[in-house]
Structures are given as C-alpha cells and as structure tokens.
Amino acid sequence: MAEITKKIGAFSEVVLAEEKRTRRLVAIKCIPKKALEGKENSIENEIAVLHKIKHANIVSLEDIFENKSHLYLVMQLVSGGELFDRIVEKGFYTEKDASKLIQQILDAVKYLHDMGIVHRDLKPENLLYYSMEEDSKIMISDFGLSKIEGSGSVMSTACGTPGYVAPEVLAQKPYSKAVDCWSIGVIAYILLCGYPPFYDENDAKLFEQILKAEYEFDSPYWDDISDSAKDFIVHLMERDPGQRYTCDQALQHPWIAGDTALDKNIHESVSAQIKKNFAKSKWKQAFNATAVVRHMRRLQLGTSQEGQTSDRSPHSPCHERLLLPEGTEEEEEEEEEQSRQCLHTTFHEQISALVFFSKNSCTQKESADRKETWWVETSHCVGET
C-alpha cells in the first residue's frame, strides 16, 4: 500500500510578527534547518511554488530569510480561523454557503492548475478564513506537498492526507492535477453532511474504500440535500481521473454557477457531525497565531492597519539555496537556544515575534533592511483564555 509522505510543516513553528512601518501583522513560519536535512528539495519546491503564485484566495509568501539555525518564511496573516471552526460557530448554514465556499476553492485551484501547479494536499485543515468578518473569503494554505508540472513530466509520488487522496495516488499510478479535483469533491461532501465519505480505523480498509470509490449519501444526513449537490460531488469524486470534472467544468455546474443550491438551514446536523467526527485537541489550543490575533482584537489590542500594503518585494531570499548549519556544535546549540527563546510566543508572553537575524546569512544591508522591517511588539501582553 502507498506510503503517505510526511510534511515539513510538522517540524515548523508559526509565530506572529509585526511590520514596523505599517504595523501590519504577518505570520512567520520558522523551520529548524536540522529538521530539513535530507529534505532541502521539498522546502525549495514549496518556496518556488509560493514565489510563483498570487491569488486572492491563496495565502501569499511575502519574504524569506535565514540564519544558521532556521529558515523563516514571512507569510500573509489569515486570522479568521479554520473552516470547521467557523461552520460550527455559525447559527445558520446552508447549501448556498457551502457552494460559495467551494466556488472560491475552485477559483483558486483553477488558477494553480492554469499555472501548472498541483497542490496535492487539499483538505479542510488547509482552508482558513482571511478575517473574522461574516463574509470573509476563504484562503488555501500549506504548499508543502505542491508540485510544479514540468513539460511532459509525470507525477507518481504517493503523498497527501488519508481520506482526501485520489484513488490513482493510492494505486501508485502516474497522476495529474485531477487529484486536486477529487479532494475538492471530498471537501464538498463533508461540508454538506459533517462526516467524511471514507472512514475506517484500519488504513488498509480505508484505502480499499477510496480505491473503489465506495461512498454513499446516507439517510437521514443527506435527505435534505439537493440532487444537484449530489450530482456535483459524483462528478468530482469520479474514480476515473479522465472522466473526473476539471475545475473549469466544476465551476460551470448548476450547483456552483446556477441557483440549485438550497437555502434550507442544515447547521444543526452538519455541525453536530463535524464535532463528532473531526474533534481535535488542537482546536482547544490557544497557542497559535490565529487565536492570538482573535484574542487581541477582542480586547481591542489589535494594531494591524488593514488596507495598507508593504512595498517590499515578495521575492527577496538571501540565497537561492539553503545553508545548512555550520560552525561548532556549541555555537549551533547556543544559537538554537537563543532562537528558541526569542521565537516562542504564547499568551503568557509578548505578542509578535522577535525575528533572529544572522549577518552570516545575509549581507549587512539585507540584514539591516529586515531589522527595519520586522519588529517585536513589546507593549501587548494578554492572558490565557
């Protein structure tokens, strides 16, 4: 059976930082270089993809720099929370809401596919709301497994998240951008009932279900869902990738482009199933950038000036390739400890990240520029909720 590739994200920490000039908040993904040893190509691929894309529904890379011990990716901050959290918090939720969400995802993925990029890990956890506004847009994040299609190249690496991967990936067959469309179908299914189309405690049995595309629209959970919605899902969760809907075709389906999505409130049923089937301890953790921002704004401590944008180029790496740790073991340990102390951000500590700069990683001017750009905010400290 296919092995699911681990993502680099499992080794990184995301902290909050503030741009000094605009006081705009950003998220900085801090990746220890020791965790990257042997995986340099993966992170370089992610950076190459992020440099290439700019879309309203995709979290953007704004800057990149490094020191001896860490690589830092400065990302656009999205503070509206995870997809499932927001659905559960709603009091009213309909097919139309789900249709609008899927339309935004399709628009973004169509853009990626037109650029020759396959995400390969689309799932609800990688879908975040841009802000806490009721009508906030949805954003696609985490391009750690994404792939730029080369001329005539064929993808065959087994990767993704169990439950969302397409049958051809598990079958270890060459595959294409159609794998993303399958994942969107799975997400649409969950958005309408609150549980996954494929599930088994045994991975082998789970994969067997996916390989055969064995799923049902179970009663009573699907009784109030339109036939149009079901037809839309069937075309995306088509076992044969050659017959599967493309993003263009999905965007033209009546459930997306027409008015066949129903207005009936399905919140009670869907939210109950989400809580039952997707309850995760991380939902309860306060130590993440989104929770910090939401808490700050509740206390009217937010300092972000929305609408202002930085004139900094998003493509300014200090080096084209990574620099792995150098120097003595004692020096590396000391620098790692300093970096850890500076970058560890919780509700009990100062909000925003103090970014560690290394003159060995950048030129003196580049280092000075970044010190002028990113700053630790020391005036805000909030208690744990």
Protein backbone atom coordinates (compact mmCIF):
# COMPACT_ATOMS: atom_id res chain seq x y z
CA MET A 1 0.00 0.00 0.00
CA ALA A 2 1.15 3.54 -0.75
CA GLU A 3 3.04 5.42 1.93
CA ILE A 4 1.83 8.92 2.75
CA THR A 5 4.71 11.40 2.70
CA LYS A 6 5.26 13.44 5.86
CA LYS A 7 5.12 17.18 5.52
CA ILE A 8 7.84 19.58 6.59
CA GLY A 9 5.14 21.58 8.38
CA ALA A 10 5.23 19.04 11.18
CA PHE A 11 8.68 20.38 12.14
CA SER A 12 7.93 24.10 11.93
CA GLU A 13 6.53 26.69 14.30
CA VAL A 14 4.38 29.64 13.25
CA VAL A 15 4.77 32.86 15.18
CA LEU A 16 3.28 36.32 14.92
CA ALA A 17 5.28 39.38 13.84
CA GLU A 18 4.57 42.99 13.04
CA GLU A 19 5.85 45.11 10.18
CA LYS A 20 7.34 48.24 11.72
CA ARG A 21 6.37 50.71 9.01
CA THR A 22 2.70 49.78 8.67
CA ARG A 23 2.20 47.89 11.96
CA ARG A 24 0.71 45.16 9.81
CA LEU A 25 0.70 41.69 11.33
CA VAL A 26 2.20 38.74 9.49
CA ALA A 27 2.79 35.07 10.27
CA ILE A 28 6.36 33.78 10.23
CA LYS A 29 6.92 30.09 9.65
CA CYS A 30 10.13 29.15 11.49
CA ILE A 31 11.72 25.97 10.20
CA PRO A 32 14.74 24.46 12.02
CA LYS A 33 17.37 23.57 9.45
CA LYS A 34 18.28 20.40 11.28
CA ALA A 35 14.77 19.17 10.52
CA LEU A 36 15.38 19.97 6.85
CA GLU A 37 18.50 17.85 6.45
CA GLY A 38 17.79 15.50 3.57
CA LYS A 39 14.57 17.40 2.75
CA GLU A 40 16.08 20.51 1.15
CA ASN A 41 14.40 19.82 -2.18
CA SER A 42 10.97 19.77 -0.56
CA ILE A 43 11.24 23.19 1.05
CA GLU A 44 12.87 24.65 -2.05
CA ASN A 45 9.94 23.32 -4.08
CA GLU A 46 7.45 24.92 -1.67
CA ILE A 47 9.25 28.26 -1.89
CA ALA A 48 9.40 28.05 -5.69
CA VAL A 49 5.64 27.48 -5.80
CA LEU A 50 4.88 30.32 -3.37
CA HIS A 51 7.07 32.72 -5.34
CA LYS A 52 5.12 31.91 -8.48
CA ILE A 53 1.56 32.45 -7.25
CA LYS A 54 -0.56 35.47 -6.36
CA HIS A 55 -4.28 34.94 -5.86
CA ALA A 56 -6.92 36.47 -3.61
CA ASN A 57 -7.78 33.07 -2.12
CA ILE A 58 -4.22 31.80 -1.56
CA VAL A 59 -2.03 32.69 1.42
CA SER A 60 0.94 34.56 -0.02
CA LEU A 61 4.66 34.48 0.74
CA GLU A 62 5.89 38.00 1.49
CA ASP A 63 9.54 37.49 2.38
CA ILE A 64 12.10 34.82 3.12
CA PHE A 65 15.36 34.87 5.04
CA GLU A 66 17.52 32.62 7.16
CA ASN A 67 20.21 32.37 9.81
CA LYS A 68 22.47 29.45 10.64
CA SER A 69 19.82 27.51 12.52
CA HIS A 70 16.47 28.46 10.96
CA LEU A 71 14.73 29.30 7.71
CA TYR A 72 11.99 31.94 8.04
CA LEU A 73 9.04 32.27 5.68
CA VAL A 74 7.12 35.51 6.17
CA MET A 75 3.53 34.72 5.23
CA GLN A 76 0.37 36.76 4.84
CA LEU A 77 -1.56 36.51 8.10
CA VAL A 78 -5.03 35.00 7.95
CA SER A 79 -6.87 35.45 11.22
CA GLY A 80 -10.39 34.19 10.62
CA GLY A 81 -9.88 30.65 11.86
CA GLU A 82 -10.21 27.17 10.39
CA LEU A 83 -13.05 26.17 8.12
CA PHE A 84 -14.70 23.71 10.52
CA ASP A 85 -14.44 26.08 13.47
CA ARG A 86 -16.37 28.75 11.62
CA ILE A 87 -19.08 26.39 10.45
CA VAL A 88 -19.60 25.11 13.99
CA GLU A 89 -19.76 28.68 15.31
CA LYS A 90 -22.43 29.69 12.81
CA GLY A 91 -26.08 29.65 13.79
CA PHE A 92 -27.26 29.37 10.21
CA TYR A 93 -25.60 27.37 7.44
CA THR A 94 -26.98 26.24 4.09
CA GLU A 95 -26.06 24.55 0.83
CA LYS A 96 -25.60 28.02 -0.64
CA ASP A 97 -22.94 28.75 1.96
CA ALA A 98 -21.16 25.52 1.06
CA SER A 99 -21.49 26.29 -2.65
CA LYS A 100 -19.88 29.72 -2.21
CA LEU A 101 -17.00 28.17 -0.27
CA ILE A 102 -16.39 25.53 -2.92
CA GLN A 103 -16.59 28.16 -5.68
CA GLN A 104 -13.75 30.12 -4.05
CA ILE A 105 -11.67 26.96 -3.66
CA LEU A 106 -12.30 26.02 -7.30
CA ASP A 107 -11.32 29.51 -8.48
CA ALA A 108 -8.03 29.30 -6.58
CA VAL A 109 -7.24 25.74 -7.66
CA LYS A 110 -8.12 26.55 -11.27
CA TYR A 111 -5.57 29.37 -11.04
CA LEU A 112 -2.98 26.93 -9.70
CA HIS A 113 -3.71 24.39 -12.42
CA ASP A 114 -3.50 27.09 -15.11
CA MET A 115 -0.07 27.95 -13.67
CA GLY A 116 0.96 24.29 -13.90
CA ILE A 117 0.84 23.77 -10.12
CA VAL A 118 -0.82 20.86 -8.31
CA HIS A 119 -1.49 21.37 -4.58
CA ARG A 120 -1.71 17.64 -3.71
CA ASP A 121 -2.86 18.18 -0.11
CA LEU A 122 -6.20 19.96 -0.22
CA LYS A 123 -8.14 19.33 2.99
CA PRO A 124 -10.25 21.36 5.45
CA GLU A 125 -7.29 21.99 7.77
CA ASN A 126 -5.57 23.87 4.94
CA LEU A 127 -8.58 26.12 4.35
CA LEU A 128 -8.56 29.23 6.52
CA TYR A 129 -10.76 32.31 6.70
CA TYR A 130 -8.99 35.56 5.90
CA SER A 131 -10.68 37.52 8.68
CA MET A 132 -13.38 37.21 11.32
CA GLU A 133 -15.88 39.10 9.19
CA GLU A 134 -19.06 37.17 8.47
CA ASP A 135 -18.49 37.39 4.72
CA SER A 136 -14.75 36.70 4.88
CA LYS A 137 -13.15 34.93 1.96
CA ILE A 138 -11.56 31.50 2.31
CA MET A 139 -7.80 31.03 1.82
CA ILE A 140 -5.79 28.00 0.71
CA SER A 141 -2.61 27.40 2.69
CA ASP A 142 0.24 24.89 3.08
CA PHE A 143 2.02 24.19 -0.19
CA GLY A 144 4.49 21.75 1.34
CA LEU A 145 3.43 18.93 -0.99
CA SER A 146 2.66 21.04 -4.05
CA LYS A 147 4.30 20.30 -7.37
CA ILE A 148 5.09 22.35 -10.45
CA GLU A 149 4.30 20.27 -13.51
CA GLY A 150 7.18 20.17 -15.97
CA SER A 151 6.85 19.77 -19.69
CA GLY A 152 5.83 16.16 -20.21
CA SER A 153 6.57 15.30 -16.58
CA VAL A 154 4.54 12.67 -14.78
CA MET A 155 3.80 12.70 -11.05
CA SER A 156 3.83 9.39 -9.21
CA THR A 157 4.95 10.17 -5.64
CA ALA A 158 2.41 8.94 -3.10
CA CYS A 159 1.59 11.93 -0.91
CA GLY A 160 -1.34 13.69 0.68
CA THR A 161 -3.60 13.04 3.64
CA PRO A 162 -5.51 9.75 4.08
CA GLY A 163 -9.18 10.30 3.38
CA TYR A 164 -8.58 13.06 0.83
CA VAL A 165 -6.18 11.40 -1.63
CA ALA A 166 -7.43 10.27 -5.02
CA PRO A 167 -7.62 6.56 -5.95
CA GLU A 168 -4.85 6.83 -8.54
CA VAL A 169 -2.44 8.14 -5.89
CA LEU A 170 -3.09 5.17 -3.61
CA ALA A 171 -2.84 2.82 -6.59
CA GLN A 172 0.67 4.23 -7.13
CA LYS A 173 -0.18 5.12 -10.71
CA PRO A 174 1.01 8.24 -12.54
CA TYR A 175 -1.40 11.05 -11.80
CA SER A 176 -2.22 14.62 -12.77
CA LYS A 177 -3.87 17.78 -11.45
CA ALA A 178 -7.11 15.76 -11.35
CA VAL A 179 -6.09 14.62 -7.84
CA ASP A 180 -6.93 18.12 -6.55
CA CYS A 181 -10.42 17.92 -8.04
CA TRP A 182 -11.03 14.65 -6.21
CA SER A 183 -10.00 16.30 -2.94
CA ILE A 184 -12.39 19.20 -3.58
CA GLY A 185 -15.16 16.65 -4.04
CA VAL A 186 -14.33 15.09 -0.66
CA ILE A 187 -14.34 18.54 0.97
CA ALA A 188 -17.71 19.36 -0.63
CA TYR A 189 -19.11 16.08 0.69
CA ILE A 190 -18.00 16.90 4.24
CA LEU A 191 -19.34 20.46 4.04
CA LEU A 192 -22.81 19.09 3.34
CA CYS A 193 -23.03 16.36 5.97
CA GLY A 194 -20.23 16.88 8.50
CA TYR A 195 -18.57 13.48 8.12
CA PRO A 196 -16.08 12.04 5.58
CA PRO A 197 -17.15 9.85 2.66
CA PHE A 198 -14.47 7.29 3.54
CA TYR A 199 -13.65 6.13 7.03
CA ASP A 200 -12.18 3.12 8.76
CA GLU A 201 -9.88 2.71 11.76
CA ASN A 202 -7.85 0.33 9.62
CA ASP A 203 -5.84 2.22 6.99
CA ALA A 204 -5.82 -0.72 4.59
CA LYS A 205 -9.63 -0.87 4.63
CA LEU A 206 -9.85 2.91 4.31
CA PHE A 207 -7.60 2.84 1.25
CA GLU A 208 -9.64 -0.01 -0.22
CA GLN A 209 -12.79 2.13 0.04
CA ILE A 210 -11.05 5.00 -1.71
CA LEU A 211 -9.57 2.79 -4.43
CA LYS A 212 -13.06 1.52 -5.25
CA ALA A 213 -14.66 4.97 -4.75
CA GLU A 214 -17.15 3.36 -2.39
CA TYR A 215 -19.22 6.07 -0.71
CA GLU A 216 -22.90 6.70 -0.04
CA PHE A 217 -25.26 9.61 0.52
CA ASP A 218 -26.60 8.17 3.76
CA SER A 219 -30.05 8.82 5.17
CA PRO A 220 -31.03 10.85 7.16
CA TYR A 221 -27.97 13.09 6.77
CA TRP A 222 -28.43 13.61 3.04
CA ASP A 223 -32.22 13.67 2.93
CA ASP A 224 -32.37 17.48 2.87
CA ILE A 225 -29.51 17.90 0.39
CA SER A 226 -30.36 18.67 -3.24
CA ASP A 227 -29.86 16.22 -6.08
CA SER A 228 -27.79 18.92 -7.77
CA ALA A 229 -25.29 18.94 -4.89
CA LYS A 230 -25.02 15.16 -5.03
CA ASP A 231 -24.52 15.25 -8.80
CA PHE A 232 -21.75 17.82 -8.36
CA ILE A 233 -19.94 15.60 -5.86
CA VAL A 234 -20.34 12.48 -8.02
CA HIS A 235 -18.62 14.23 -10.93
CA LEU A 236 -15.68 15.28 -8.76
CA MET A 237 -15.36 12.00 -6.86
CA GLU A 238 -15.19 10.04 -10.10
CA ARG A 239 -12.84 7.06 -9.84
CA ASP A 240 -11.54 7.51 -13.39
CA PRO A 241 -9.41 10.70 -13.46
CA GLY A 242 -10.03 11.00 -17.19
CA GLN A 243 -13.78 11.28 -16.57
CA ARG A 244 -13.48 13.41 -13.44
CA TYR A 245 -14.59 17.03 -13.58
CA THR A 246 -11.87 19.61 -14.09
CA CYS A 247 -12.04 22.88 -12.16
CA ASP A 248 -13.46 24.59 -15.26
CA GLN A 249 -16.23 22.03 -15.56
CA ALA A 250 -16.99 22.15 -11.84
CA LEU A 251 -17.27 25.95 -11.94
CA GLN A 252 -19.91 25.62 -14.67
CA HIS A 253 -22.05 23.12 -12.76
CA PRO A 254 -25.50 24.49 -11.78
CA TRP A 255 -24.78 23.93 -8.09
CA ILE A 256 -21.92 26.43 -8.40
CA ALA A 257 -22.85 28.69 -11.31
CA GLY A 258 -26.64 28.38 -11.07
CA ASP A 259 -29.25 28.59 -8.34
CA THR A 260 -29.77 24.93 -7.47
CA ALA A 261 -28.06 25.13 -4.05
CA LEU A 262 -30.78 25.14 -1.40
CA ASP A 263 -31.38 27.78 1.29
CA LYS A 264 -32.52 25.30 3.94
CA ASN A 265 -30.66 25.59 7.25
CA ILE A 266 -28.57 22.43 7.76
CA HIS A 267 -26.37 23.83 10.53
CA GLU A 268 -27.63 21.64 13.37
CA SER A 269 -26.99 18.37 11.56
CA VAL A 270 -23.70 19.36 9.91
CA SER A 271 -22.14 21.00 12.99
CA ALA A 272 -23.09 18.04 15.19
CA GLN A 273 -21.35 15.65 12.80
CA ILE A 274 -18.28 17.89 12.49
CA LYS A 275 -17.91 17.95 16.27
CA LYS A 276 -18.31 14.19 16.39
CA ASN A 277 -16.04 13.25 13.51
CA PHE A 278 -13.41 15.97 13.44
CA ALA A 279 -12.90 16.86 17.10
CA LYS A 280 -9.21 17.61 17.57
CA SER A 281 -7.26 18.67 20.60
CA LYS A 282 -5.59 21.37 18.53
CA TRP A 283 -8.92 23.19 18.28
CA LYS A 284 -8.63 23.79 22.01
CA GLN A 285 -5.05 25.02 21.92
CA ALA A 286 -4.65 28.75 22.38
CA PHE A 287 -1.04 28.83 21.30
CA ASN A 288 -1.33 29.71 17.63
CA ALA A 289 -1.26 32.89 15.61
CA THR A 290 -4.94 32.85 14.76
CA ALA A 291 -6.02 32.58 18.39
CA VAL A 292 -3.63 35.35 19.39
CA VAL A 293 -4.99 37.73 16.77
CA ARG A 294 -8.59 36.94 17.60
CA HIS A 295 -7.94 37.43 21.30
CA MET A 296 -6.09 40.69 20.71
CA ARG A 297 -8.93 42.08 18.67
CA ARG A 298 -11.50 41.06 21.23
CA LEU A 299 -9.52 43.10 23.74
CA GLN A 300 -9.14 45.93 21.21
CA LEU A 301 -5.40 45.45 21.25
CA GLY A 302 -5.07 44.75 17.53
CA THR A 303 -2.62 47.02 15.79
CA SER A 304 -2.99 45.87 12.22
CA GLN A 305 -3.79 48.65 9.76
CA GLU A 306 -5.90 46.92 7.17
CA GLY A 307 -5.71 48.18 3.67
CA GLN A 308 -2.05 49.14 3.88
CA THR A 309 0.39 47.03 1.99
CA SER A 310 4.12 46.78 2.06
CA ASP A 311 6.20 47.87 -0.91
CA ARG A 312 8.68 45.12 -0.20
CA SER A 313 9.22 42.58 -2.89
CA PRO A 314 7.91 39.08 -2.06
CA HIS A 315 10.89 37.61 -3.83
CA SER A 316 13.93 38.54 -1.77
CA PRO A 317 15.69 35.42 -0.49
CA CYS A 318 19.21 35.87 0.80
CA HIS A 319 20.34 32.76 -1.03
CA GLU A 320 18.92 30.69 -3.84
CA ARG A 321 19.64 27.52 -1.89
CA LEU A 322 19.55 26.67 1.78
CA LEU A 323 22.53 26.98 4.08
CA LEU A 324 22.68 24.04 6.43
CA PRO A 325 24.04 24.59 9.96
CA GLU A 326 27.70 25.47 10.14
CA GLY A 327 30.21 26.13 12.89
CA THR A 328 30.93 24.23 16.06
CA GLU A 329 28.34 22.15 17.85
CA GLU A 330 28.49 24.53 20.83
CA GLU A 331 27.83 27.56 18.62
CA GLU A 332 24.90 25.84 16.94
CA GLU A 333 23.35 24.83 20.26
CA GLU A 334 23.76 28.35 21.66
CA GLU A 335 22.18 29.95 18.59
CA GLU A 336 19.32 27.45 18.58
CA GLU A 337 18.61 28.15 22.24
CA GLN A 338 18.64 31.92 21.62
CA SER A 339 16.34 31.48 18.64
CA ARG A 340 14.01 29.25 20.64
CA GLN A 341 13.77 31.79 23.46
CA CYS A 342 13.10 34.66 21.06
CA LEU A 343 10.57 32.88 18.87
CA HIS A 344 8.48 31.05 21.46
CA THR A 345 5.26 33.03 21.63
CA THR A 346 2.29 32.21 23.89
CA PHE A 347 -0.49 34.09 25.61
CA HIS A 348 1.77 34.45 28.65
CA GLU A 349 4.47 36.20 26.66
CA GLN A 350 4.74 39.26 24.46
CA ILE A 351 2.68 39.22 21.29
CA SER A 352 4.50 39.21 17.93
CA ALA A 353 7.75 37.52 17.09
CA LEU A 354 11.26 38.75 17.61
CA VAL A 355 12.94 37.60 14.46
CA PHE A 356 16.53 36.48 14.84
CA PHE A 357 18.83 37.86 12.18
CA SER A 358 22.21 36.50 11.15
CA LYS A 359 24.86 38.59 9.41
CA ASN A 360 26.31 35.32 8.16
CA SER A 361 23.10 34.58 6.25
CA CYS A 362 22.51 37.95 4.58
CA THR A 363 24.58 40.90 3.53
CA GLN A 364 24.87 43.69 6.09
CA LYS A 365 22.40 45.81 4.12
CA GLU A 366 19.89 42.96 3.79
CA SER A 367 20.13 42.27 7.49
CA ALA A 368 19.62 45.95 8.30
CA ASP A 369 16.66 46.15 5.92
CA ARG A 370 14.95 43.26 7.65
CA LYS A 371 15.60 44.70 11.09
CA GLU A 372 13.89 47.84 9.85
CA THR A 373 11.00 45.78 8.51
CA TRP A 374 10.17 43.25 11.23
CA TRP A 375 9.91 44.18 14.89
CA VAL A 376 8.90 42.60 18.18
CA GLU A 377 5.86 44.31 19.70
CA THR A 378 6.56 44.57 23.43
CA SER A 379 3.59 46.63 24.56
CA HIS A 380 0.90 43.96 24.28
CA CYS A 381 0.60 41.06 26.66
CA VAL A 382 -2.64 39.17 27.14
CA GLY A 383 -3.68 36.41 29.50
CA GLU A 384 -4.71 32.92 28.58
CA THR A 385 -8.39 32.46 27.89
